[in-house]
N, C-alpha and C. Protein backbone atom coordinates (compact mmCIF):
# COMPACT_ATOMS: atom_id res chain seq x y z
N UNK A 1 0.76 -1.44 0.17
CA UNK A 1 0.06 -0.23 -0.02
C UNK A 1 0.84 1.06 -0.08
N UNK A 2 0.58 2.36 -0.91
CA UNK A 2 1.34 3.31 -0.75
C UNK A 2 0.49 4.38 -0.42
N UNK A 3 1.11 5.21 0.52
CA UNK A 3 0.57 6.27 1.04
C UNK A 3 0.57 7.60 0.11
N UNK A 4 1.14 7.65 -0.92
CA UNK A 4 1.77 8.49 -1.76
C UNK A 4 0.39 8.75 -2.77
N UNK A 5 -0.24 7.98 -2.83
CA UNK A 5 -1.49 7.84 -3.95
C UNK A 5 -2.67 8.26 -3.44
N UNK A 6 -3.39 9.40 -3.49
CA UNK A 6 -4.49 9.99 -3.61
C UNK A 6 -5.43 9.40 -4.52
N UNK A 7 -6.42 8.69 -4.25
CA UNK A 7 -7.69 8.42 -5.16
C UNK A 7 -8.89 8.45 -4.04
N UNK A 8 -9.79 9.35 -4.57
CA UNK A 8 -11.23 9.40 -4.05
C UNK A 8 -12.31 8.46 -4.45
N UNK A 9 -13.49 8.38 -3.83
CA UNK A 9 -14.78 7.88 -4.48
C UNK A 9 -15.63 8.79 -4.31
N UNK A 10 -16.55 9.63 -5.53
CA UNK A 10 -17.54 9.67 -5.30
C UNK A 10 -18.71 9.23 -6.24
N UNK A 11 -20.02 9.95 -6.99
CA UNK A 11 -21.17 9.31 -6.99
C UNK A 11 -20.53 9.13 -8.54
N UNK A 12 -19.69 9.90 -9.37
CA UNK A 12 -19.33 9.41 -10.84
C UNK A 12 -18.06 8.13 -10.67
N UNK A 13 -17.66 7.58 -9.70
CA UNK A 13 -16.50 6.74 -9.64
C UNK A 13 -15.38 7.07 -8.89
N UNK A 14 -14.29 6.75 -9.02
CA UNK A 14 -13.05 6.72 -8.39
C UNK A 14 -11.95 7.66 -9.37
N UNK A 15 -11.88 8.70 -8.75
CA UNK A 15 -10.68 9.78 -9.16
C UNK A 15 -9.15 9.48 -8.80
N UNK A 16 -8.37 9.60 -9.66
CA UNK A 16 -7.16 9.90 -9.08
C UNK A 16 -6.57 11.07 -9.02
N UNK A 17 -6.36 11.89 -7.70
CA UNK A 17 -6.12 13.40 -7.42
C UNK A 17 -4.54 13.32 -7.30
N UNK A 18 -3.63 12.37 -6.65
CA UNK A 18 -2.51 12.73 -6.60
C UNK A 18 -1.67 11.53 -6.68
N UNK A 19 -0.18 11.61 -7.17
CA UNK A 19 0.63 10.51 -6.88
C UNK A 19 0.54 9.15 -8.33
N UNK A 20 0.33 10.26 -9.44
CA UNK A 20 0.34 9.35 -10.80
C UNK A 20 1.44 8.88 -10.98
N UNK A 21 2.63 9.10 -10.78
CA UNK A 21 3.93 8.26 -10.99
C UNK A 21 4.37 7.42 -9.87
N UNK A 22 3.36 7.53 -8.60
CA UNK A 22 3.73 6.39 -7.73
C UNK A 22 2.90 5.51 -7.91
N UNK A 23 1.71 5.82 -8.39
CA UNK A 23 1.05 4.35 -9.13
C UNK A 23 1.41 3.80 -10.13
N UNK A 24 2.21 4.51 -11.11
CA UNK A 24 2.58 3.72 -11.98
C UNK A 24 3.47 2.92 -11.82
N UNK A 25 4.56 3.06 -10.83
CA UNK A 25 5.46 2.81 -10.52
C UNK A 25 5.23 1.27 -9.74
N UNK A 26 4.07 1.61 -9.19
CA UNK A 26 3.57 0.59 -8.01
C UNK A 26 3.06 -0.74 -9.08
N UNK A 27 2.39 -0.15 -10.44
CA UNK A 27 1.55 -1.08 -11.18
C UNK A 27 2.64 -1.87 -12.14
N UNK A 28 3.90 -1.07 -11.94
CA UNK A 28 5.17 -1.72 -13.15
C UNK A 28 5.22 -3.00 -12.81
N UNK A 29 5.50 -3.46 -11.72
CA UNK A 29 5.86 -5.26 -11.28
C UNK A 29 4.62 -5.85 -11.70
N UNK A 30 3.79 -5.95 -11.27
CA UNK A 30 2.48 -6.93 -11.49
C UNK A 30 1.35 -6.58 -11.95
N UNK A 31 1.21 -5.25 -12.46
CA UNK A 31 0.06 -4.79 -13.11
C UNK A 31 -1.08 -4.27 -11.91
N UNK A 32 -0.82 -4.66 -10.67
CA UNK A 32 -2.03 -4.22 -9.86
C UNK A 32 -1.35 -3.99 -8.35
N UNK A 33 -2.06 -2.68 -7.74
CA UNK A 33 -1.50 -2.40 -6.35
C UNK A 33 -2.74 -1.54 -5.31
N UNK A 34 -2.53 -1.89 -4.21
CA UNK A 34 -3.39 -1.61 -3.32
C UNK A 34 -3.58 -0.55 -2.70
N UNK A 35 -4.42 0.27 -2.85
CA UNK A 35 -4.48 1.67 -2.43
C UNK A 35 -5.80 2.09 -1.53
N UNK A 36 -5.65 2.85 -0.48
CA UNK A 36 -6.07 3.10 0.70
C UNK A 36 -7.39 4.16 0.23
N UNK A 37 -8.59 4.06 0.07
CA UNK A 37 -9.53 5.30 -0.48
C UNK A 37 -9.74 5.83 0.82
N UNK A 38 -9.83 7.01 1.14
CA UNK A 38 -10.75 7.67 2.62
C UNK A 38 -12.01 7.61 2.45
N UNK A 39 -12.41 6.76 3.61
CA UNK A 39 -13.79 6.98 3.82
C UNK A 39 -14.32 5.71 3.21
N UNK A 40 -13.44 4.80 2.54
CA UNK A 40 -13.96 3.67 1.68
C UNK A 40 -13.08 2.36 2.20
N UNK A 41 -11.69 2.65 2.21
CA UNK A 41 -10.72 1.44 2.65
C UNK A 41 -10.04 1.06 1.42
N UNK A 42 -9.71 -0.04 1.97
CA UNK A 42 -8.73 -0.85 0.37
C UNK A 42 -9.51 -0.95 -0.65
N UNK A 43 -8.88 -0.70 -1.80
CA UNK A 43 -9.39 -1.16 -3.07
C UNK A 43 -8.09 -1.54 -4.20
N UNK A 44 -8.23 -2.32 -5.11
CA UNK A 44 -7.25 -2.92 -5.88
C UNK A 44 -7.07 -2.33 -7.30
N UNK A 45 -6.42 -1.80 -7.65
CA UNK A 45 -6.06 -1.26 -8.84
C UNK A 45 -5.24 -1.77 -9.91
N UNK A 46 -5.99 -2.25 -11.12
CA UNK A 46 -5.40 -2.93 -11.84
C UNK A 46 -5.09 -2.32 -13.06
N UNK A 47 -4.14 -2.77 -13.81
CA UNK A 47 -3.85 -2.31 -15.32
C UNK A 47 -4.57 -3.33 -16.10
N UNK A 48 -5.22 -2.80 -17.29
CA UNK A 48 -6.03 -3.82 -18.26
C UNK A 48 -5.51 -3.16 -19.64
N UNK A 49 -6.08 -3.78 -20.49
CA UNK A 49 -5.91 -3.25 -21.75
C UNK A 49 -6.68 -2.13 -22.37
N UNK A 50 -7.94 -1.99 -21.50
CA UNK A 50 -8.48 -0.87 -21.56
C UNK A 50 -8.45 0.39 -20.65
N UNK A 51 -7.34 0.20 -19.74
CA UNK A 51 -7.19 1.23 -19.08
C UNK A 51 -6.99 0.61 -17.19
N UNK A 52 -7.00 1.58 -16.79
CA UNK A 52 -6.85 1.52 -15.01
C UNK A 52 -8.13 0.99 -14.63
N UNK A 53 -8.17 0.03 -14.02
CA UNK A 53 -9.73 -0.04 -13.11
C UNK A 53 -9.61 -0.27 -11.62
N UNK A 54 -10.47 -0.01 -10.95
CA UNK A 54 -10.55 -0.27 -9.25
C UNK A 54 -11.54 -1.41 -9.30
N UNK A 55 -10.77 -2.25 -8.16
CA UNK A 55 -11.91 -3.74 -8.00
C UNK A 55 -12.12 -3.56 -6.82
N UNK A 56 -13.39 -3.41 -6.54
CA UNK A 56 -13.88 -3.02 -5.04
C UNK A 56 -15.14 -3.87 -4.84
N UNK A 57 -15.23 -4.44 -4.11
CA UNK A 57 -16.55 -5.35 -3.70
C UNK A 57 -17.43 -6.04 -4.74
N UNK A 58 -16.33 -6.51 -5.43
CA UNK A 58 -17.06 -7.50 -6.53
C UNK A 58 -17.07 -6.61 -7.91
N UNK A 59 -16.94 -5.18 -7.85
CA UNK A 59 -16.91 -4.40 -9.21
C UNK A 59 -15.76 -4.00 -9.55
N UNK A 60 -16.03 -3.93 -10.82
CA UNK A 60 -14.48 -3.21 -11.47
C UNK A 60 -15.14 -1.75 -12.22
N UNK A 61 -14.83 -1.04 -11.67
CA UNK A 61 -15.14 0.59 -12.17
C UNK A 61 -13.69 1.44 -12.53
N UNK A 62 -13.88 2.22 -13.91
CA UNK A 62 -12.48 2.86 -14.23
C UNK A 62 -12.36 3.79 -13.17
N UNK A 63 -10.97 3.80 -13.33
CA UNK A 63 -10.38 5.21 -12.29
C UNK A 63 -9.99 6.07 -13.35
N UNK A 64 -10.75 7.26 -13.11
CA UNK A 64 -10.65 8.53 -13.61
C UNK A 64 -9.54 9.39 -13.22
N UNK A 65 -9.35 10.20 -14.44
CA UNK A 65 -8.24 11.26 -14.34
C UNK A 65 -8.76 12.67 -14.12
N UNK A 66 -8.55 13.56 -13.40
CA UNK A 66 -9.18 14.84 -13.20
C UNK A 66 -7.93 15.94 -13.76
């Protein structure tokens, strides 16, 4: 888990606000990284052919950039 990555959740989905490079480094080895989302808990971010997705509670949602 990397505290330098800030992902938030709202009605539109998950948004990466800070730590783009840290997330890229975390994903470079296995293509997956666990990130703590404030007020939500831990989620798994995975790199797919379509882009980055957040796996949480059995759902796969895209990781949006602001």
